[in-house]
Amino acid sequence: MGNTGLCVCKNGFGALPIQRISKEDAVRLLIRAYEGGVDYFDTARAYTDSEEKIGQALKIIPRERIVLATKTM
């Protein structure tokens, strides 16, 4: 990731679509993505409740093994 020294998989998870599914489904999807090799998750405050859903998944996904990016205006 640029000059940060962070290395992530080429496939990241953009969290915009999870705003349209239930919290339980989102958590299952996020865990499945992680188990499939995704280690970069991108969200934004504008994605309604996606940050909250990712937070729920991080109770299960080891935080030290992923890179989480978020943005705000």
PDB file of N, CA and C in Angstrom:
ATOM      1  N   MET A   1       0.840  -1.188   0.000  1.00  0.00           N
ATOM      2  CA  MET A   1       0.000   0.000   0.000  1.00  0.00           C
ATOM      3  C   MET A   1       0.876   1.239   0.000  1.00  0.00           C
ATOM      4  N   GLY A   2       1.318   1.577  -1.168  1.00  0.00           N
ATOM      5  CA  GLY A   2       2.139   2.778  -1.285  1.00  0.00           C
ATOM      6  C   GLY A   2       3.402   2.694  -0.467  1.00  0.00           C
ATOM      7  N   ASN A   3       3.719   3.755   0.241  1.00  0.00           N
ATOM      8  CA  ASN A   3       4.925   3.809   1.058  1.00  0.00           C
ATOM      9  C   ASN A   3       4.656   3.489   2.519  1.00  0.00           C
ATOM     10  N   THR A   4       3.519   2.897   2.824  1.00  0.00           N
ATOM     11  CA  THR A   4       3.150   2.641   4.218  1.00  0.00           C
ATOM     12  C   THR A   4       3.877   1.457   4.828  1.00  0.00           C
ATOM     13  N   GLY A   5       4.382   0.561   3.994  1.00  0.00           N
ATOM     14  CA  GLY A   5       4.986  -0.659   4.495  1.00  0.00           C
ATOM     15  C   GLY A   5       3.960  -1.767   4.727  1.00  0.00           C
ATOM     16  N   LEU A   6       2.691  -1.457   4.514  1.00  0.00           N
ATOM     17  CA  LEU A   6       1.638  -2.458   4.682  1.00  0.00           C
ATOM     18  C   LEU A   6       1.504  -3.282   3.411  1.00  0.00           C
ATOM     19  N   CYS A   7       1.327  -4.580   3.563  1.00  0.00           N
ATOM     20  CA  CYS A   7       1.095  -5.478   2.442  1.00  0.00           C
ATOM     21  C   CYS A   7      -0.287  -6.078   2.587  1.00  0.00           C
ATOM     22  N   VAL A   8      -1.064  -6.005   1.521  1.00  0.00           N
ATOM     23  CA  VAL A   8      -2.405  -6.589   1.534  1.00  0.00           C
ATOM     24  C   VAL A   8      -2.621  -7.379   0.246  1.00  0.00           C
ATOM     25  N   CYS A   9      -3.591  -8.252   0.296  1.00  0.00           N
ATOM     26  CA  CYS A   9      -4.016  -9.029  -0.866  1.00  0.00           C
ATOM     27  C   CYS A   9      -4.503  -8.075  -1.957  1.00  0.00           C
ATOM     28  N   LYS A  10      -4.374  -8.457  -3.210  1.00  0.00           N
ATOM     29  CA  LYS A  10      -4.846  -7.611  -4.313  1.00  0.00           C
ATOM     30  C   LYS A  10      -6.352  -7.407  -4.267  1.00  0.00           C
ATOM     31  N   ASN A  11      -7.084  -8.362  -3.727  1.00  0.00           N
ATOM     32  CA  ASN A  11      -8.539  -8.254  -3.634  1.00  0.00           C
ATOM     33  C   ASN A  11      -8.933  -7.705  -2.276  1.00  0.00           C
ATOM     34  N   GLY A  12      -9.562  -6.542  -2.284  1.00  0.00           N
ATOM     35  CA  GLY A  12     -10.050  -5.944  -1.047  1.00  0.00           C
ATOM     36  C   GLY A  12     -11.560  -6.042  -0.982  1.00  0.00           C
ATOM     37  N   PHE A  13     -12.100  -5.718   0.168  1.00  0.00           N
ATOM     38  CA  PHE A  13     -13.553  -5.753   0.371  1.00  0.00           C
ATOM     39  C   PHE A  13     -14.048  -4.327   0.527  1.00  0.00           C
ATOM     40  N   GLY A  14     -14.782  -3.856  -0.458  1.00  0.00           N
ATOM     41  CA  GLY A  14     -15.424  -2.546  -0.378  1.00  0.00           C
ATOM     42  C   GLY A  14     -16.769  -2.705   0.318  1.00  0.00           C
ATOM     43  N   ALA A  15     -16.965  -2.018   1.425  1.00  0.00           N
ATOM     44  CA  ALA A  15     -18.114  -2.276   2.295  1.00  0.00           C
ATOM     45  C   ALA A  15     -19.406  -1.556   1.909  1.00  0.00           C
ATOM     46  N   LEU A  16     -19.412  -0.789   0.836  1.00  0.00           N
ATOM     47  CA  LEU A  16     -20.634  -0.086   0.450  1.00  0.00           C
ATOM     48  C   LEU A  16     -21.847  -1.022   0.359  1.00  0.00           C
ATOM     49  N   PRO A  17     -21.755  -2.180  -0.294  1.00  0.00           N
ATOM     50  CA  PRO A  17     -22.943  -3.024  -0.448  1.00  0.00           C
ATOM     51  C   PRO A  17     -23.508  -3.613   0.850  1.00  0.00           C
ATOM     52  N   ILE A  18     -22.694  -3.727   1.896  1.00  0.00           N
ATOM     53  CA  ILE A  18     -23.235  -4.366   3.105  1.00  0.00           C
ATOM     54  C   ILE A  18     -24.241  -3.482   3.836  1.00  0.00           C
ATOM     55  N   GLN A  19     -24.382  -2.245   3.419  1.00  0.00           N
ATOM     56  CA  GLN A  19     -25.406  -1.400   4.038  1.00  0.00           C
ATOM     57  C   GLN A  19     -26.811  -1.887   3.687  1.00  0.00           C
ATOM     58  N   ARG A  20     -26.909  -2.729   2.647  1.00  0.00           N
ATOM     59  CA  ARG A  20     -28.215  -3.203   2.185  1.00  0.00           C
ATOM     60  C   ARG A  20     -28.616  -4.559   2.761  1.00  0.00           C
ATOM     61  N   ILE A  21     -27.779  -5.152   3.602  1.00  0.00           N
ATOM     62  CA  ILE A  21     -28.117  -6.455   4.173  1.00  0.00           C
ATOM     63  C   ILE A  21     -28.122  -6.367   5.694  1.00  0.00           C
ATOM     64  N   SER A  22     -28.684  -7.370   6.327  1.00  0.00           N
ATOM     65  CA  SER A  22     -28.791  -7.370   7.786  1.00  0.00           C
ATOM     66  C   SER A  22     -27.413  -7.453   8.429  1.00  0.00           C
ATOM     67  N   LYS A  23     -27.344  -7.077   9.688  1.00  0.00           N
ATOM     68  CA  LYS A  23     -26.083  -7.136  10.425  1.00  0.00           C
ATOM     69  C   LYS A  23     -25.560  -8.571  10.467  1.00  0.00           C
ATOM     70  N   GLU A  24     -26.442  -9.518  10.708  1.00  0.00           N
ATOM     71  CA  GLU A  24     -26.031 -10.917  10.792  1.00  0.00           C
ATOM     72  C   GLU A  24     -25.466 -11.404   9.455  1.00  0.00           C
ATOM     73  N   ASP A  25     -26.141 -11.068   8.367  1.00  0.00           N
ATOM     74  CA  ASP A  25     -25.647 -11.472   7.044  1.00  0.00           C
ATOM     75  C   ASP A  25     -24.325 -10.782   6.712  1.00  0.00           C
ATOM     76  N   ALA A  26     -24.215  -9.518   7.085  1.00  0.00           N
ATOM     77  CA  ALA A  26     -22.978  -8.778   6.825  1.00  0.00           C
ATOM     78  C   ALA A  26     -21.808  -9.396   7.583  1.00  0.00           C
ATOM     79  N   VAL A  27     -22.019  -9.731   8.828  1.00  0.00           N
ATOM     80  CA  VAL A  27     -20.948 -10.342   9.627  1.00  0.00           C
ATOM     81  C   VAL A  27     -20.528 -11.668   9.007  1.00  0.00           C
ATOM     82  N   ARG A  28     -21.492 -12.480   8.599  1.00  0.00           N
ATOM     83  CA  ARG A  28     -21.164 -13.758   7.947  1.00  0.00           C
ATOM     84  C   ARG A  28     -20.368 -13.523   6.654  1.00  0.00           C
ATOM     85  N   LEU A  29     -20.789 -12.540   5.875  1.00  0.00           N
ATOM     86  CA  LEU A  29     -20.107 -12.229   4.624  1.00  0.00           C
ATOM     87  C   LEU A  29     -18.681 -11.742   4.868  1.00  0.00           C
ATOM     88  N   LEU A  30     -18.503 -10.868   5.826  1.00  0.00           N
ATOM     89  CA  LEU A  30     -17.174 -10.352   6.151  1.00  0.00           C
ATOM     90  C   LEU A  30     -16.245 -11.455   6.636  1.00  0.00           C
ATOM     91  N   ILE A  31     -16.758 -12.344   7.465  1.00  0.00           N
ATOM     92  CA  ILE A  31     -15.948 -13.464   7.954  1.00  0.00           C
ATOM     93  C   ILE A  31     -15.581 -14.387   6.793  1.00  0.00           C
ATOM     94  N   ARG A  32     -16.536 -14.625   5.917  1.00  0.00           N
ATOM     95  CA  ARG A  32     -16.265 -15.483   4.761  1.00  0.00           C
ATOM     96  C   ARG A  32     -15.208 -14.849   3.855  1.00  0.00           C
ATOM     97  N   ALA A  33     -15.301 -13.547   3.660  1.00  0.00           N
ATOM     98  CA  ALA A  33     -14.292 -12.852   2.848  1.00  0.00           C
ATOM     99  C   ALA A  33     -12.917 -13.010   3.481  1.00  0.00           C
ATOM    100  N   TYR A  34     -12.838 -12.814   4.794  1.00  0.00           N
ATOM    101  CA  TYR A  34     -11.561 -12.965   5.498  1.00  0.00           C
ATOM    102  C   TYR A  34     -11.028 -14.393   5.346  1.00  0.00           C
ATOM    103  N   GLU A  35     -11.898 -15.353   5.545  1.00  0.00           N
ATOM    104  CA  GLU A  35     -11.483 -16.752   5.420  1.00  0.00           C
ATOM    105  C   GLU A  35     -11.051 -17.083   3.994  1.00  0.00           C
ATOM    106  N   GLY A  36     -11.567 -16.335   3.014  1.00  0.00           N
ATOM    107  CA  GLY A  36     -11.182 -16.520   1.625  1.00  0.00           C
ATOM    108  C   GLY A  36      -9.916 -15.784   1.232  1.00  0.00           C
ATOM    109  N   GLY A  37      -9.300 -15.102   2.173  1.00  0.00           N
ATOM    110  CA  GLY A  37      -8.022 -14.456   1.910  1.00  0.00           C
ATOM    111  C   GLY A  37      -8.045 -12.939   1.873  1.00  0.00           C
ATOM    112  N   VAL A  38      -9.220 -12.329   2.008  1.00  0.00           N
ATOM    113  CA  VAL A  38      -9.287 -10.865   1.997  1.00  0.00           C
ATOM    114  C   VAL A  38      -8.725 -10.340   3.316  1.00  0.00           C
ATOM    115  N   ASP A  39      -7.792  -9.399   3.206  1.00  0.00           N
ATOM    116  CA  ASP A  39      -7.216  -8.806   4.414  1.00  0.00           C
ATOM    117  C   ASP A  39      -7.261  -7.278   4.388  1.00  0.00           C
ATOM    118  N   TYR A  40      -7.941  -6.720   3.395  1.00  0.00           N
ATOM    119  CA  TYR A  40      -8.104  -5.269   3.295  1.00  0.00           C
ATOM    120  C   TYR A  40      -9.597  -4.963   3.171  1.00  0.00           C
ATOM    121  N   PHE A  41     -10.094  -4.166   4.105  1.00  0.00           N
ATOM    122  CA  PHE A  41     -11.504  -3.793   4.132  1.00  0.00           C
ATOM    123  C   PHE A  41     -11.602  -2.276   4.087  1.00  0.00           C
ATOM    124  N   ASP A  42     -12.434  -1.786   3.176  1.00  0.00           N
ATOM    125  CA  ASP A  42     -12.593  -0.345   2.978  1.00  0.00           C
ATOM    126  C   ASP A  42     -14.042   0.046   3.245  1.00  0.00           C
ATOM    127  N   THR A  43     -14.228   1.066   4.054  1.00  0.00           N
ATOM    128  CA  THR A  43     -15.563   1.539   4.394  1.00  0.00           C
ATOM    129  C   THR A  43     -15.555   3.061   4.445  1.00  0.00           C
ATOM    130  N   ALA A  44     -16.666   3.639   4.799  1.00  0.00           N
ATOM    131  CA  ALA A  44     -16.778   5.090   4.963  1.00  0.00           C
ATOM    132  C   ALA A  44     -17.988   5.390   5.825  1.00  0.00           C
ATOM    133  N   ARG A  45     -17.923   6.482   6.515  1.00  0.00           N
ATOM    134  CA  ARG A  45     -19.052   6.910   7.341  1.00  0.00           C
ATOM    135  C   ARG A  45     -20.319   7.056   6.499  1.00  0.00           C
ATOM    136  N   ALA A  46     -20.156   7.447   5.244  1.00  0.00           N
ATOM    137  CA  ALA A  46     -21.299   7.638   4.345  1.00  0.00           C
ATOM    138  C   ALA A  46     -21.975   6.329   3.952  1.00  0.00           C
ATOM    139  N   TYR A  47     -21.344   5.202   4.257  1.00  0.00           N
ATOM    140  CA  TYR A  47     -21.937   3.902   3.929  1.00  0.00           C
ATOM    141  C   TYR A  47     -22.888   3.465   5.044  1.00  0.00           C
ATOM    142  N   THR A  48     -23.636   4.352   5.552  1.00  0.00           N
ATOM    143  CA  THR A  48     -24.614   4.173   6.640  1.00  0.00           C
ATOM    144  C   THR A  48     -24.034   3.324   7.763  1.00  0.00           C
ATOM    145  N   ASP A  49     -24.471   2.084   7.896  1.00  0.00           N
ATOM    146  CA  ASP A  49     -24.080   1.280   9.065  1.00  0.00           C
ATOM    147  C   ASP A  49     -22.952   0.286   8.783  1.00  0.00           C
ATOM    148  N   SER A  50     -22.232   0.451   7.686  1.00  0.00           N
ATOM    149  CA  SER A  50     -21.193  -0.522   7.349  1.00  0.00           C
ATOM    150  C   SER A  50     -20.067  -0.557   8.389  1.00  0.00           C
ATOM    151  N   GLU A  51     -19.719   0.586   8.969  1.00  0.00           N
ATOM    152  CA  GLU A  51     -18.677   0.593  10.002  1.00  0.00           C
ATOM    153  C   GLU A  51     -19.110  -0.221  11.216  1.00  0.00           C
ATOM    154  N   GLU A  52     -20.352  -0.090  11.590  1.00  0.00           N
ATOM    155  CA  GLU A  52     -20.877  -0.867  12.725  1.00  0.00           C
ATOM    156  C   GLU A  52     -20.834  -2.367  12.411  1.00  0.00           C
ATOM    157  N   LYS A  53     -21.212  -2.732  11.217  1.00  0.00           N
ATOM    158  CA  LYS A  53     -21.215  -4.142  10.824  1.00  0.00           C
ATOM    159  C   LYS A  53     -19.797  -4.701  10.798  1.00  0.00           C
ATOM    160  N   ILE A  54     -18.856  -3.927  10.287  1.00  0.00           N
ATOM    161  CA  ILE A  54     -17.456  -4.369  10.301  1.00  0.00           C
ATOM    162  C   ILE A  54     -16.986  -4.511  11.746  1.00  0.00           C
ATOM    163  N   GLY A  55     -17.377  -3.596  12.596  1.00  0.00           N
ATOM    164  CA  GLY A  55     -17.020  -3.682  14.015  1.00  0.00           C
ATOM    165  C   GLY A  55     -17.511  -4.974  14.646  1.00  0.00           C
ATOM    166  N   GLN A  56     -18.711  -5.392  14.289  1.00  0.00           N
ATOM    167  CA  GLN A  56     -19.237  -6.655  14.809  1.00  0.00           C
ATOM    168  C   GLN A  56     -18.395  -7.829  14.309  1.00  0.00           C
ATOM    169  N   ALA A  57     -18.026  -7.799  13.040  1.00  0.00           N
ATOM    170  CA  ALA A  57     -17.205  -8.885  12.481  1.00  0.00           C
ATOM    171  C   ALA A  57     -15.827  -8.920  13.132  1.00  0.00           C
ATOM    172  N   LEU A  58     -15.307  -7.756  13.525  1.00  0.00           N
ATOM    173  CA  LEU A  58     -13.975  -7.708  14.142  1.00  0.00           C
ATOM    174  C   LEU A  58     -13.955  -8.315  15.538  1.00  0.00           C
ATOM    175  N   LYS A  59     -15.099  -8.641  16.073  1.00  0.00           N
ATOM    176  CA  LYS A  59     -15.136  -9.397  17.339  1.00  0.00           C
ATOM    177  C   LYS A  59     -14.698 -10.833  17.089  1.00  0.00           C
ATOM    178  N   ILE A  60     -14.729 -11.250  15.817  1.00  0.00           N
ATOM    179  CA  ILE A  60     -14.365 -12.621  15.445  1.00  0.00           C
ATOM    180  C   ILE A  60     -13.083 -12.644  14.611  1.00  0.00           C
ATOM    181  N   ILE A  61     -12.972 -11.713  13.668  1.00  0.00           N
ATOM    182  CA  ILE A  61     -11.790 -11.638  12.797  1.00  0.00           C
ATOM    183  C   ILE A  61     -10.635 -11.037  13.599  1.00  0.00           C
ATOM    184  N   PRO A  62      -9.448 -11.669  13.561  1.00  0.00           N
ATOM    185  CA  PRO A  62      -8.300 -11.113  14.282  1.00  0.00           C
ATOM    186  C   PRO A  62      -7.878  -9.763  13.703  1.00  0.00           C
ATOM    187  N   ARG A  63      -8.069  -8.697  14.432  1.00  0.00           N
ATOM    188  CA  ARG A  63      -7.813  -7.329  13.958  1.00  0.00           C
ATOM    189  C   ARG A  63      -6.374  -7.133  13.489  1.00  0.00           C
ATOM    190  N   GLU A  64      -5.436  -7.790  14.121  1.00  0.00           N
ATOM    191  CA  GLU A  64      -4.030  -7.599  13.760  1.00  0.00           C
ATOM    192  C   GLU A  64      -3.682  -8.216  12.411  1.00  0.00           C
ATOM    193  N   ARG A  65      -4.610  -8.952  11.815  1.00  0.00           N
ATOM    194  CA  ARG A  65      -4.340  -9.609  10.533  1.00  0.00           C
ATOM    195  C   ARG A  65      -4.993  -8.912   9.346  1.00  0.00           C
ATOM    196  N   ILE A  66      -5.639  -7.776   9.583  1.00  0.00           N
ATOM    197  CA  ILE A  66      -6.292  -7.067   8.482  1.00  0.00           C
ATOM    198  C   ILE A  66      -5.885  -5.595   8.481  1.00  0.00           C
ATOM    199  N   VAL A  67      -6.135  -4.967   7.355  1.00  0.00           N
ATOM    200  CA  VAL A  67      -5.989  -3.514   7.236  1.00  0.00           C
ATOM    201  C   VAL A  67      -7.392  -2.973   7.014  1.00  0.00           C
ATOM    202  N   LEU A  68      -7.755  -1.999   7.814  1.00  0.00           N
ATOM    203  CA  LEU A  68      -9.085  -1.395   7.738  1.00  0.00           C
ATOM    204  C   LEU A  68      -8.930   0.074   7.390  1.00  0.00           C
ATOM    205  N   ALA A  69      -9.592   0.482   6.313  1.00  0.00           N
ATOM    206  CA  ALA A  69      -9.557   1.886   5.886  1.00  0.00           C
ATOM    207  C   ALA A  69     -10.959   2.451   5.964  1.00  0.00           C
ATOM    208  N   THR A  70     -11.065   3.678   6.428  1.00  0.00           N
ATOM    209  CA  THR A  70     -12.345   4.360   6.442  1.00  0.00           C
ATOM    210  C   THR A  70     -12.111   5.817   6.057  1.00  0.00           C
ATOM    211  N   LYS A  71     -13.177   6.455   5.640  1.00  0.00           N
ATOM    212  CA  LYS A  71     -13.041   7.843   5.200  1.00  0.00           C
ATOM    213  C   LYS A  71     -14.220   8.657   5.707  1.00  0.00           C
ATOM    214  N   THR A  72     -14.029   9.963   5.706  1.00  0.00           N
ATOM    215  CA  THR A  72     -15.093  10.881   6.093  1.00  0.00           C
ATOM    216  C   THR A  72     -14.929  12.155   5.286  1.00  0.00           C
ATOM    217  N   MET A  73     -15.946  12.970   5.284  1.00  0.00           N
ATOM    218  CA  MET A  73     -15.873  14.209   4.512  1.00  0.00           C
ATOM    219  C   MET A  73     -14.977  15.220   5.184  1.00  0.00           C
TER     220      MET A  73
END
